[in-house]
Each structure stands twice: as structure tokens, then as C-alpha cells.
C-alpha atoms as a PDB file:
ATOM      1  CA  MET A   1       3.999 -41.302 -16.692  1.00  0.00           C
ATOM      2  CA  ALA A   2       2.819 -39.047 -13.840  1.00  0.00           C
ATOM      3  CA  TYR A   3       5.209 -40.850 -11.459  1.00  0.00           C
ATOM      4  CA  ILE A   4       8.131 -40.362 -13.860  1.00  0.00           C
ATOM      5  CA  VAL A   5       7.329 -36.663 -14.191  1.00  0.00           C
ATOM      6  CA  LEU A   6       6.924 -36.328 -10.418  1.00  0.00           C
ATOM      7  CA  THR A   7      10.351 -37.922  -9.913  1.00  0.00           C
ATOM      8  CA  GLN A   8      11.938 -35.491 -12.362  1.00  0.00           C
ATOM      9  CA  VAL A   9      10.162 -32.521 -10.762  1.00  0.00           C
ATOM     10  CA  ILE A  10      11.464 -33.572  -7.326  1.00  0.00           C
ATOM     11  CA  ILE A  11      15.010 -33.838  -8.704  1.00  0.00           C
ATOM     12  CA  MET A  12      14.661 -30.384 -10.260  1.00  0.00           C
ATOM     13  CA  ALA A  13      13.275 -29.001  -6.984  1.00  0.00           C
ATOM     14  CA  LEU A  14      16.282 -30.412  -5.101  1.00  0.00           C
ATOM     15  CA  LEU A  15      18.613 -28.758  -7.604  1.00  0.00           C
ATOM     16  CA  MET A  16      16.730 -25.506  -7.020  1.00  0.00           C
ATOM     17  CA  GLY A  17      17.404 -26.044  -3.321  1.00  0.00           C
ATOM     18  CA  VAL A  18      21.113 -26.245  -4.090  1.00  0.00           C
ATOM     19  CA  GLY A  19      20.907 -22.904  -5.918  1.00  0.00           C
ATOM     20  CA  TYR A  20      18.984 -21.388  -3.000  1.00  0.00           C
ATOM     21  CA  PHE A  21      21.580 -22.633  -0.489  1.00  0.00           C
ATOM     22  CA  LEU A  22      24.546 -21.462  -2.577  1.00  0.00           C
ATOM     23  CA  PHE A  23      23.113 -17.956  -2.920  1.00  0.00           C
ATOM     24  CA  LYS A  24      22.180 -17.665   0.756  1.00  0.00           C
ATOM     25  CA  LYS A  25      25.703 -18.768   1.718  1.00  0.00           C
ATOM     26  CA  LYS A  26      27.123 -16.225  -0.768  1.00  0.00           C
ATOM     27  CA  VAL A  27      28.930 -18.929  -2.701  1.00  0.00           C
ATOM     28  CA  LEU A  28      26.825 -17.749  -5.642  1.00  0.00           C
ATOM     29  CA  THR A  29      26.439 -13.962  -5.980  1.00  0.00           C
ATOM     30  CA  THR A  30      24.078 -11.717  -7.937  1.00  0.00           C
ATOM     31  CA  LEU A  31      26.811 -11.330 -10.541  1.00  0.00           C
ATOM     32  CA  GLY A  32      27.235 -15.092 -10.562  1.00  0.00           C
ATOM     33  CA  THR A  33      23.537 -15.680 -11.298  1.00  0.00           C
ATOM     34  CA  LYS A  34      23.725 -13.188 -14.147  1.00  0.00           C
ATOM     35  CA  GLU A  35      26.728 -15.024 -15.570  1.00  0.00           C
ATOM     36  CA  LEU A  36      24.998 -18.406 -15.187  1.00  0.00           C
ATOM     37  CA  GLY A  37      22.007 -16.999 -17.077  1.00  0.00           C
ATOM     38  CA  SER A  38      24.309 -15.809 -19.859  1.00  0.00           C
ATOM     39  CA  LEU A  39      26.006 -19.211 -19.980  1.00  0.00           C
ATOM     40  CA  LEU A  40      22.626 -20.913 -20.376  1.00  0.00           C
ATOM     41  CA  VAL A  41      21.339 -18.571 -23.069  1.00  0.00           C
ATOM     42  CA  MET A  42      24.597 -18.169 -25.004  1.00  0.00           C
ATOM     43  CA  VAL A  43      26.054 -21.687 -24.855  1.00  0.00           C
ATOM     44  CA  ILE A  44      24.082 -24.443 -23.130  1.00  0.00           C
ATOM     45  CA  ILE A  45      20.579 -24.063 -24.615  1.00  0.00           C
ATOM     46  CA  PRO A  46      22.001 -23.500 -28.142  1.00  0.00           C
ATOM     47  CA  SER A  47      24.016 -26.714 -27.667  1.00  0.00           C
ATOM     48  CA  VAL A  48      20.846 -28.575 -26.662  1.00  0.00           C
ATOM     49  CA  ILE A  49      19.030 -27.257 -29.739  1.00  0.00           C
ATOM     50  CA  ILE A  50      21.793 -28.151 -32.205  1.00  0.00           C
ATOM     51  CA  LYS A  51      22.190 -31.591 -30.642  1.00  0.00           C
ATOM     52  CA  SER A  52      18.437 -32.228 -30.807  1.00  0.00           C
ATOM     53  CA  LEU A  53      18.411 -31.403 -34.532  1.00  0.00           C
ATOM     54  CA  LEU A  54      21.357 -33.689 -35.286  1.00  0.00           C
ATOM     55  CA  VAL A  55      19.114 -36.655 -35.993  1.00  0.00           C
ATOM     56  CA  GLU A  56      18.850 -38.816 -39.073  1.00  0.00           C
ATOM     57  CA  TYR A  57      16.771 -37.000 -41.666  1.00  0.00           C
ATOM     58  CA  SER A  58      13.411 -38.417 -42.709  1.00  0.00           C
ATOM     59  CA  ASN A  59      10.262 -36.922 -44.220  1.00  0.00           C
ATOM     60  CA  GLU A  60       8.372 -38.024 -41.113  1.00  0.00           C
ATOM     61  CA  LYS A  61      10.686 -36.037 -38.814  1.00  0.00           C
ATOM     62  CA  LEU A  62      10.416 -32.982 -41.066  1.00  0.00           C
ATOM     63  CA  GLN A  63       6.627 -33.219 -40.974  1.00  0.00           C
ATOM     64  CA  LEU A  64       6.705 -33.540 -37.169  1.00  0.00           C
ATOM     65  CA  LEU A  65       8.894 -30.431 -36.941  1.00  0.00           C
ATOM     66  CA  ILE A  66       6.507 -28.437 -39.148  1.00  0.00           C
ATOM     67  CA  LEU A  67       3.469 -29.713 -37.235  1.00  0.00           C
ATOM     68  CA  SER A  68       5.136 -28.863 -33.923  1.00  0.00           C
ATOM     69  CA  THR A  69       5.782 -25.325 -35.163  1.00  0.00           C
ATOM     70  CA  ILE A  70       2.154 -24.803 -36.207  1.00  0.00           C
ATOM     71  CA  ILE A  71       0.628 -26.264 -33.048  1.00  0.00           C
ATOM     72  CA  SER A  72       2.990 -24.490 -30.668  1.00  0.00           C
ATOM     73  CA  PHE A  73       2.175 -21.201 -32.409  1.00  0.00           C
ATOM     74  CA  ILE A  74      -1.539 -21.844 -31.800  1.00  0.00           C
ATOM     75  CA  CYS A  75      -0.792 -22.595 -28.141  1.00  0.00           C
ATOM     76  CA  PHE A  76       1.180 -19.359 -27.800  1.00  0.00           C
ATOM     77  CA  ILE A  77      -1.699 -17.390 -29.330  1.00  0.00           C
ATOM     78  CA  VAL A  78      -3.957 -18.980 -26.710  1.00  0.00           C
ATOM     79  CA  SER A  79      -1.652 -18.120 -23.797  1.00  0.00           C
ATOM     80  CA  ILE A  80      -1.018 -14.549 -25.009  1.00  0.00           C
ATOM     81  CA  THR A  81      -4.735 -13.923 -25.560  1.00  0.00           C
ATOM     82  CA  VAL A  82      -5.789 -15.384 -22.203  1.00  0.00           C
ATOM     83  CA  SER A  83      -3.080 -13.418 -20.384  1.00  0.00           C
ATOM     84  CA  TYR A  84      -4.134 -10.172 -22.050  1.00  0.00           C
ATOM     85  CA  LEU A  85      -7.771 -10.723 -21.086  1.00  0.00           C
ATOM     86  CA  PHE A  86      -6.827 -11.262 -17.441  1.00  0.00           C
ATOM     87  CA  PHE A  87      -3.968  -8.773 -17.046  1.00  0.00           C
ATOM     88  CA  LYS A  88      -4.217  -6.085 -19.732  1.00  0.00           C
ATOM     89  CA  HIS A  89      -3.771  -3.427 -17.026  1.00  0.00           C
ATOM     90  CA  ASP A  90      -0.777  -5.178 -15.443  1.00  0.00           C
ATOM     91  CA  PRO A  91       2.033  -5.368 -18.064  1.00  0.00           C
ATOM     92  CA  ILE A  92       4.375  -7.478 -15.921  1.00  0.00           C
ATOM     93  CA  ALA A  93       1.686 -10.050 -15.078  1.00  0.00           C
ATOM     94  CA  ASN A  94       0.581 -10.025 -18.717  1.00  0.00           C
ATOM     95  CA  PHE A  95       4.111 -10.793 -19.927  1.00  0.00           C
ATOM     96  CA  GLY A  96       4.678 -13.374 -17.194  1.00  0.00           C
ATOM     97  CA  SER A  97       1.558 -15.457 -17.719  1.00  0.00           C
ATOM     98  CA  SER A  98       1.897 -15.264 -21.521  1.00  0.00           C
ATOM     99  CA  PHE A  99       5.225 -17.067 -21.673  1.00  0.00           C
ATOM    100  CA  CYS A 100       6.037 -20.442 -20.133  1.00  0.00           C
ATOM    101  CA  ASN A 101       9.487 -21.468 -18.918  1.00  0.00           C
ATOM    102  CA  ALA A 102       9.985 -23.879 -21.803  1.00  0.00           C
ATOM    103  CA  GLY A 103      13.726 -23.275 -21.919  1.00  0.00           C
ATOM    104  CA  PHE A 104      14.901 -23.628 -18.326  1.00  0.00           C
ATOM    105  CA  ILE A 105      12.235 -26.071 -17.058  1.00  0.00           C
ATOM    106  CA  GLY A 106      10.279 -27.484 -20.008  1.00  0.00           C
ATOM    107  CA  LEU A 107      13.318 -28.500 -22.000  1.00  0.00           C
ATOM    108  CA  PRO A 108      15.080 -30.485 -19.247  1.00  0.00           C
ATOM    109  CA  LEU A 109      11.748 -31.973 -18.139  1.00  0.00           C
ATOM    110  CA  VAL A 110      10.992 -33.243 -21.654  1.00  0.00           C
ATOM    111  CA  GLN A 111      14.585 -34.395 -22.006  1.00  0.00           C
ATOM    112  CA  ASN A 112      14.581 -36.364 -18.757  1.00  0.00           C
ATOM    113  CA  THR A 113      11.027 -37.712 -19.086  1.00  0.00           C
ATOM    114  CA  LEU A 114      10.732 -38.579 -22.785  1.00  0.00           C
ATOM    115  CA  GLY A 115      14.396 -38.899 -23.728  1.00  0.00           C
ATOM    116  CA  ASN A 116      16.887 -36.797 -25.684  1.00  0.00           C
ATOM    117  CA  ASP A 117      15.146 -37.471 -29.002  1.00  0.00           C
ATOM    118  CA  ALA A 118      11.966 -35.769 -27.753  1.00  0.00           C
ATOM    119  CA  VAL A 119      13.782 -32.422 -27.438  1.00  0.00           C
ATOM    120  CA  PHE A 120      13.612 -32.309 -31.249  1.00  0.00           C
ATOM    121  CA  LEU A 121       9.842 -31.953 -30.905  1.00  0.00           C
ATOM    122  CA  ILE A 122       9.911 -28.768 -28.816  1.00  0.00           C
ATOM    123  CA  VAL A 123      12.697 -26.865 -30.559  1.00  0.00           C
ATOM    124  CA  SER A 124       9.994 -24.813 -32.282  1.00  0.00           C
ATOM    125  CA  VAL A 125       8.565 -23.871 -28.866  1.00  0.00           C
ATOM    126  CA  ILE A 126      11.929 -22.479 -27.692  1.00  0.00           C
ATOM    127  CA  VAL A 127      12.411 -20.536 -30.938  1.00  0.00           C
ATOM    128  CA  GLN A 128       8.923 -19.033 -30.999  1.00  0.00           C
ATOM    129  CA  LEU A 129       9.171 -18.212 -27.302  1.00  0.00           C
ATOM    130  CA  ASN A 130      12.212 -16.034 -27.968  1.00  0.00           C
ATOM    131  CA  ILE A 131      10.681 -14.344 -31.018  1.00  0.00           C
ATOM    132  CA  LEU A 132       7.365 -13.618 -29.305  1.00  0.00           C
ATOM    133  CA  GLN A 133       9.020 -12.323 -26.134  1.00  0.00           C
ATOM    134  CA  TRP A 134      11.071  -9.802 -28.127  1.00  0.00           C
ATOM    135  CA  THR A 135       8.036  -8.668 -30.140  1.00  0.00           C
ATOM    136  CA  VAL A 136       4.591  -9.148 -28.576  1.00  0.00           C
ATOM    137  CA  GLY A 137       6.030  -9.479 -25.069  1.00  0.00           C
ATOM    138  CA  VAL A 138       8.136  -6.324 -25.215  1.00  0.00           C
ATOM    139  CA  TYR A 139       5.268  -4.322 -26.717  1.00  0.00           C
ATOM    140  CA  ASN A 140       2.806  -5.514 -24.039  1.00  0.00           C
ATOM    141  CA  LEU A 141       5.373  -4.740 -21.349  1.00  0.00           C
ATOM    142  CA  THR A 142       6.299  -1.238 -22.547  1.00  0.00           C
ATOM    143  CA  LYS A 143       3.421  -0.215 -24.882  1.00  0.00           C
ATOM    144  CA  ASP A 144       6.074   1.247 -27.168  1.00  0.00           C
ATOM    145  CA  LYS A 145       6.809  -0.271 -30.601  1.00  0.00           C
ATOM    146  CA  ARG A 146      10.206   1.422 -30.628  1.00  0.00           C
ATOM    147  CA  ASN A 147      11.400  -1.061 -27.999  1.00  0.00           C
ATOM    148  CA  VAL A 148      10.763  -4.027 -30.286  1.00  0.00           C
ATOM    149  CA  SER A 149      14.239  -5.039 -31.487  1.00  0.00           C
ATOM    150  CA  TYR A 150      14.305  -7.201 -34.588  1.00  0.00           C
ATOM    151  CA  LYS A 151      18.094  -7.098 -34.507  1.00  0.00           C
ATOM    152  CA  LYS A 152      18.079  -8.905 -31.161  1.00  0.00           C
ATOM    153  CA  ILE A 153      15.784 -11.543 -32.669  1.00  0.00           C
ATOM    154  CA  VAL A 154      18.008 -12.160 -35.680  1.00  0.00           C
ATOM    155  CA  PHE A 155      21.191 -12.344 -33.594  1.00  0.00           C
ATOM    156  CA  ASN A 156      19.624 -14.284 -30.726  1.00  0.00           C
ATOM    157  CA  PRO A 157      21.750 -17.388 -29.879  1.00  0.00           C
ATOM    158  CA  VAL A 158      18.612 -19.576 -29.898  1.00  0.00           C
ATOM    159  CA  ILE A 159      17.693 -18.441 -33.420  1.00  0.00           C
ATOM    160  CA  ILE A 160      21.250 -18.821 -34.707  1.00  0.00           C
ATOM    161  CA  SER A 161      21.659 -22.303 -33.191  1.00  0.00           C
ATOM    162  CA  THR A 162      18.291 -23.349 -34.654  1.00  0.00           C
ATOM    163  CA  LEU A 163      19.343 -22.224 -38.131  1.00  0.00           C
ATOM    164  CA  VAL A 164      22.650 -24.093 -37.752  1.00  0.00           C
ATOM    165  CA  GLY A 165      20.824 -27.201 -36.548  1.00  0.00           C
ATOM    166  CA  LEU A 166      18.257 -27.041 -39.365  1.00  0.00           C
ATOM    167  CA  ILE A 167      20.992 -26.700 -41.984  1.00  0.00           C
ATOM    168  CA  LEU A 168      22.756 -29.757 -40.559  1.00  0.00           C
ATOM    169  CA  PHE A 169      19.460 -31.664 -40.333  1.00  0.00           C
ATOM    170  CA  LEU A 170      18.260 -30.861 -43.864  1.00  0.00           C
ATOM    171  CA  SER A 171      21.684 -31.303 -45.488  1.00  0.00           C
ATOM    172  CA  ARG A 172      22.202 -34.572 -43.574  1.00  0.00           C
ATOM    173  CA  ILE A 173      25.702 -33.552 -42.535  1.00  0.00           C
ATOM    174  CA  GLN A 174      27.201 -35.632 -39.738  1.00  0.00           C
ATOM    175  CA  LEU A 175      29.548 -33.932 -37.307  1.00  0.00           C
ATOM    176  CA  PRO A 176      32.741 -35.641 -36.112  1.00  0.00           C
ATOM    177  CA  GLN A 177      32.337 -37.663 -32.936  1.00  0.00           C
ATOM    178  CA  THR A 178      34.551 -35.243 -31.019  1.00  0.00           C
ATOM    179  CA  LEU A 179      32.177 -32.361 -31.745  1.00  0.00           C
ATOM    180  CA  MET A 180      29.158 -34.494 -30.933  1.00  0.00           C
ATOM    181  CA  SER A 181      30.652 -35.449 -27.568  1.00  0.00           C
ATOM    182  CA  THR A 182      31.379 -31.782 -26.827  1.00  0.00           C
ATOM    183  CA  LEU A 183      27.787 -30.814 -27.677  1.00  0.00           C
ATOM    184  CA  SER A 184      26.460 -33.636 -25.498  1.00  0.00           C
ATOM    185  CA  SER A 185      28.599 -32.544 -22.555  1.00  0.00           C
ATOM    186  CA  LEU A 186      27.339 -28.978 -22.830  1.00  0.00           C
ATOM    187  CA  ALA A 187      23.723 -30.081 -23.313  1.00  0.00           C
ATOM    188  CA  ASN A 188      23.890 -32.249 -20.190  1.00  0.00           C
ATOM    189  CA  LEU A 189      24.578 -29.112 -18.135  1.00  0.00           C
ATOM    190  CA  ASN A 190      21.140 -27.698 -18.955  1.00  0.00           C
ATOM    191  CA  THR A 191      19.111 -29.230 -16.135  1.00  0.00           C
ATOM    192  CA  PRO A 192      21.497 -28.613 -13.199  1.00  0.00           C
ATOM    193  CA  ILE A 193      22.527 -25.096 -14.256  1.00  0.00           C
ATOM    194  CA  ALA A 194      18.967 -24.008 -15.075  1.00  0.00           C
ATOM    195  CA  MET A 195      17.590 -25.284 -11.777  1.00  0.00           C
ATOM    196  CA  ILE A 196      20.434 -23.851  -9.708  1.00  0.00           C
ATOM    197  CA  LEU A 197      19.742 -20.505 -11.399  1.00  0.00           C
ATOM    198  CA  CYS A 198      16.029 -20.764 -10.540  1.00  0.00           C
ATOM    199  CA  GLY A 199      16.975 -21.538  -6.932  1.00  0.00           C
ATOM    200  CA  SER A 200      19.186 -18.460  -6.785  1.00  0.00           C
ATOM    201  CA  TYR A 201      16.270 -16.322  -8.018  1.00  0.00           C
ATOM    202  CA  LEU A 202      14.174 -17.798  -5.229  1.00  0.00           C
ATOM    203  CA  ALA A 203      16.851 -16.850  -2.685  1.00  0.00           C
ATOM    204  CA  GLN A 204      16.696 -13.231  -3.883  1.00  0.00           C
ATOM    205  CA  SER A 205      12.951 -12.947  -3.273  1.00  0.00           C
ATOM    206  CA  HIS A 206      11.043 -12.148  -0.086  1.00  0.00           C
ATOM    207  CA  LEU A 207       9.723 -15.516   1.075  1.00  0.00           C
ATOM    208  CA  PHE A 208       7.032 -14.017   3.317  1.00  0.00           C
ATOM    209  CA  ASN A 209       5.639 -11.960   0.463  1.00  0.00           C
ATOM    210  CA  LEU A 210       5.763 -14.989  -1.847  1.00  0.00           C
ATOM    211  CA  PHE A 211       3.185 -16.817   0.238  1.00  0.00           C
ATOM    212  CA  THR A 212       1.041 -13.896   1.432  1.00  0.00           C
ATOM    213  CA  ASN A 213       0.597 -11.721  -1.674  1.00  0.00           C
ATOM    214  CA  THR A 214      -2.698 -12.847  -3.242  1.00  0.00           C
ATOM    215  CA  LYS A 215      -1.849 -10.992  -6.451  1.00  0.00           C
ATOM    216  CA  LEU A 216       0.937 -13.480  -7.123  1.00  0.00           C
ATOM    217  CA  TYR A 217      -1.466 -16.393  -6.751  1.00  0.00           C
ATOM    218  CA  ARG A 218      -3.873 -14.884  -9.287  1.00  0.00           C
ATOM    219  CA  VAL A 219      -1.148 -14.688 -11.918  1.00  0.00           C
ATOM    220  CA  SER A 220       0.108 -18.192 -11.095  1.00  0.00           C
ATOM    221  CA  PHE A 221      -3.467 -19.511 -11.321  1.00  0.00           C
ATOM    222  CA  VAL A 222      -3.780 -18.235 -14.892  1.00  0.00           C
ATOM    223  CA  ARG A 223      -0.300 -19.480 -15.861  1.00  0.00           C
ATOM    224  CA  LEU A 224      -0.575 -22.881 -14.166  1.00  0.00           C
ATOM    225  CA  PHE A 225      -4.300 -23.736 -14.415  1.00  0.00           C
ATOM    226  CA  VAL A 226      -6.262 -21.676 -16.932  1.00  0.00           C
ATOM    227  CA  ILE A 227      -3.748 -21.739 -19.783  1.00  0.00           C
ATOM    228  CA  PRO A 228      -2.849 -25.455 -19.352  1.00  0.00           C
ATOM    229  CA  LEU A 229      -6.553 -26.366 -19.395  1.00  0.00           C
ATOM    230  CA  ILE A 230      -7.185 -24.550 -22.684  1.00  0.00           C
ATOM    231  CA  THR A 231      -3.898 -25.863 -24.098  1.00  0.00           C
ATOM    232  CA  LEU A 232      -4.919 -29.425 -23.245  1.00  0.00           C
ATOM    233  CA  ILE A 233      -8.234 -28.960 -25.070  1.00  0.00           C
ATOM    234  CA  VAL A 234      -6.384 -27.630 -28.139  1.00  0.00           C
ATOM    235  CA  LEU A 235      -3.934 -30.539 -28.095  1.00  0.00           C
ATOM    236  CA  ILE A 236      -6.763 -33.083 -27.763  1.00  0.00           C
ATOM    237  CA  ILE A 237      -8.684 -31.585 -30.683  1.00  0.00           C
ATOM    238  CA  ILE A 238      -5.742 -31.532 -33.110  1.00  0.00           C
ATOM    239  CA  PRO A 239      -4.681 -35.007 -34.330  1.00  0.00           C
ATOM    240  CA  MET A 240      -0.969 -35.638 -33.848  1.00  0.00           C
ATOM    241  CA  ASN A 241       1.715 -38.044 -32.710  1.00  0.00           C
ATOM    242  CA  GLN A 242       1.277 -38.981 -29.024  1.00  0.00           C
ATOM    243  CA  THR A 243       4.879 -38.176 -28.102  1.00  0.00           C
ATOM    244  CA  LEU A 244       4.595 -34.795 -29.790  1.00  0.00           C
ATOM    245  CA  ARG A 245       1.367 -34.058 -27.905  1.00  0.00           C
ATOM    246  CA  LEU A 246       2.895 -34.898 -24.529  1.00  0.00           C
ATOM    247  CA  ALA A 247       6.145 -33.019 -25.242  1.00  0.00           C
ATOM    248  CA  LEU A 248       4.220 -29.874 -26.192  1.00  0.00           C
ATOM    249  CA  PHE A 249       1.926 -30.203 -23.203  1.00  0.00           C
ATOM    250  CA  ILE A 250       4.866 -30.496 -20.803  1.00  0.00           C
ATOM    251  CA  ALA A 251       6.436 -27.369 -22.325  1.00  0.00           C
ATOM    252  CA  PHE A 252       3.256 -25.304 -21.980  1.00  0.00           C
ATOM    253  CA  ILE A 253       2.391 -26.263 -18.385  1.00  0.00           C
ATOM    254  CA  THR A 254       5.662 -24.895 -17.058  1.00  0.00           C
ATOM    255  CA  PRO A 255       5.688 -21.786 -14.807  1.00  0.00           C
ATOM    256  CA  ILE A 256       6.478 -18.178 -15.628  1.00  0.00           C
ATOM    257  CA  GLY A 257       9.756 -17.867 -17.495  1.00  0.00           C
ATOM    258  CA  THR A 258      12.811 -16.371 -15.821  1.00  0.00           C
ATOM    259  CA  ASN A 259      13.197 -13.997 -18.778  1.00  0.00           C
ATOM    260  CA  LEU A 260      10.457 -11.885 -17.157  1.00  0.00           C
ATOM    261  CA  ALA A 261      13.023 -10.615 -14.629  1.00  0.00           C
ATOM    262  CA  ILE A 262      15.541  -9.906 -17.389  1.00  0.00           C
ATOM    263  CA  PHE A 263      13.068  -7.935 -19.509  1.00  0.00           C
ATOM    264  CA  SER A 264      11.734  -6.069 -16.470  1.00  0.00           C
ATOM    265  CA  HIS A 265      15.254  -4.987 -15.578  1.00  0.00           C
ATOM    266  CA  LEU A 266      16.006  -4.072 -19.203  1.00  0.00           C
ATOM    267  CA  PHE A 267      12.959  -1.792 -19.507  1.00  0.00           C
ATOM    268  CA  ASN A 268      13.023  -0.350 -15.956  1.00  0.00           C
ATOM    269  CA  LYS A 269       9.981  -2.203 -14.641  1.00  0.00           C
ATOM    270  CA  ASP A 270       9.394  -3.616 -11.154  1.00  0.00           C
ATOM    271  CA  THR A 271      12.016  -6.382 -10.961  1.00  0.00           C
ATOM    272  CA  VAL A 272      11.084  -7.360  -7.387  1.00  0.00           C
ATOM    273  CA  TYR A 273       7.508  -8.032  -8.462  1.00  0.00           C
ATOM    274  CA  SER A 274       8.817  -9.942 -11.492  1.00  0.00           C
ATOM    275  CA  VAL A 275      11.071 -12.193  -9.409  1.00  0.00           C
ATOM    276  CA  GLU A 276       8.239 -12.832  -6.933  1.00  0.00           C
ATOM    277  CA  LEU A 277       5.947 -13.894  -9.796  1.00  0.00           C
ATOM    278  CA  ILE A 278       8.624 -16.217 -11.173  1.00  0.00           C
ATOM    279  CA  CYS A 279       9.316 -17.798  -7.788  1.00  0.00           C
ATOM    280  CA  ASN A 280       5.662 -18.137  -6.749  1.00  0.00           C
ATOM    281  CA  SER A 281       4.694 -19.892  -9.983  1.00  0.00           C
ATOM    282  CA  THR A 282       7.854 -22.034  -9.955  1.00  0.00           C
ATOM    283  CA  ILE A 283       7.190 -23.273  -6.409  1.00  0.00           C
ATOM    284  CA  LEU A 284       3.537 -24.031  -7.211  1.00  0.00           C
ATOM    285  CA  SER A 285       4.530 -25.806 -10.445  1.00  0.00           C
ATOM    286  CA  ILE A 286       6.217 -28.513  -8.367  1.00  0.00           C
ATOM    287  CA  ILE A 287       2.639 -29.560  -7.518  1.00  0.00           C
ATOM    288  CA  THR A 288       0.799 -28.551 -10.698  1.00  0.00           C
ATOM    289  CA  ILE A 289       3.061 -30.189 -13.310  1.00  0.00           C
ATOM    290  CA  PRO A 290       2.631 -33.775 -11.988  1.00  0.00           C
ATOM    291  CA  LEU A 291      -1.067 -32.985 -11.414  1.00  0.00           C
ATOM    292  CA  TRP A 292      -1.569 -31.947 -15.026  1.00  0.00           C
ATOM    293  CA  ILE A 293       0.292 -35.007 -16.296  1.00  0.00           C
ATOM    294  CA  SER A 294      -2.129 -37.159 -14.263  1.00  0.00           C
ATOM    295  CA  VAL A 295      -5.078 -35.279 -15.797  1.00  0.00           C
ATOM    296  CA  TYR A 296      -3.490 -35.703 -19.233  1.00  0.00           C
ATOM    297  CA  GLY A 297      -3.361 -39.473 -18.673  1.00  0.00           C
ATOM    298  CA  LEU A 298      -7.112 -39.542 -18.031  1.00  0.00           C
ATOM    299  CA  PHE A 299      -7.969 -37.992 -21.386  1.00  0.00           C
ATOM    300  CA  ILE A 300      -5.266 -39.315 -23.717  1.00  0.00           C
END
């Protein structure tokens, strides 16, 4: 399994390289990266979520979905608590280490490693990630409850697509093949677009500072080592399906989410520092993700 994950991580790193090259050559601009991000959030990830929920209904699948929701919530409580203990005086680092990149990196990694059906198991992670970022995350970042927008949660494309997918799943409605093919085509764009976007973020950062600023390494250490270790212990303790355990573990060992830069910009925080944190942890995750999967194999 570690070799499979390593292969996928290398492919994703190469795609990041494409994004880096395109931005440096000005084929992809700052406006272009913003539009790619919007395309991912508004269309591609919702398509992945709906497609993942369009599976044949069974009580076992429903139970797995509920169990996934409960366990992923526990894992988020762990990551938020650990991050607060380490970085309560650094709002950006606190936000960054609290929330994994389950959407842009975890989702395609689970999809390409465990198969399309496994995406069903981490839908709850993507949903809770969005809800917690707009509530706990925004509060920790700004220390102002007035910035918490429940309207943006309700009308979030991820939430809406999840509700649509759940209705289709529970009602056992089958979409026409034409619609299914369209959803599949859009969902297949997730990995390349997400990684190209990450590469463009990397191109916008100061490479020298990425590798010399020890503060970045401290945040990445918490996000990529401390939180995965505690998450692994939690996942070992709780009895569950093996595929579910691995899918959740992959999602929670991913680096700092790219939404950190978006929220920092939205609330007038240090976006340069945010991008550097994202890029530092993303680069290091190329090593840490296969490493953690190897460790996982020793205990499971």
C-alpha cells in the first residue's frame, strides 16, 4: 500500500510542477489561479461528492456513512485542540494546522489509491471541514463571532452537493447515463486541477524563505507529525471497517489546506505567511504521506 500511495504522491507532485511551471511562465496568472480555485470549489468537488454518493443503497453503506461522520468529527476535535494548544497566539498557524487539505489532496489521493467507491467514505470529512472552517476556524482566525457566517455554510457548494447526493442515495434514484457520464468527466478533473492550483501557489511563494524560516517547519511538524500520530491512535482504538480506517487516515495526514490563503485574504490577515505555510507543508507532505502509510501498515 505504501508503494501505491508513494506512486500517487509522485504523480501529484509532478502535476504540482506543471502548475509551478505554468505560473512562472505566465501562462497561468494570479487571476487564473483564483478562477481555477472557484472552478474546483463550485463545480468539480461538488461533482465528486454527488458521484460518490450515487451508489446502490444498503443499510451497511448508511451505517458506514454515519460512522465516518462520527469518527471524522472526533479527529477534527483532536486536530483543532492540538493546534490551539500549540498556536493559540498565532491565529494563522492555528487555522492552518487545524484543517487538513482533504479536498484538494486527500480526496484525489483516496480516489486514486483506494478507488472511486472509497470517496463515499470521506464525504463527511469534506463537509465537516467546510463547516468547521467557517465557524471554529473563522473565530480562531479573527477572534470575532460576527465574522462567523452561517449563510455561507448553508449556501456552500459542498453542503448543497452533499444534500443533493444524500437525497439521491436515500431515495435510490438513478440518474440517466448521460448525467452520470457528465459527473464522471467533471470528477476526473479533480486531481489535475487541484494539483496544478497547488503548484501555482508554490510559484507565488518565496522559495528561499520556504526552506529557511523555522517557524514554518514548526507548524508543518504539528500538521504532518503530531496530529497524524494522535489521529492514528484514535483510529486504532475505534473498531471500524479497514477501508474506512485507511480512507480517513489518508484524509487527515494531508498538509495545510489551501483555504488558509483564501480566508487570510478575506479577513485581511498575512496572506504571504499563509501561502508559505501551505507550500512548506505541501512540499514536506510528499515525504510524510508515504511515511505515515508505511507506519500505518505496521500497526494495522
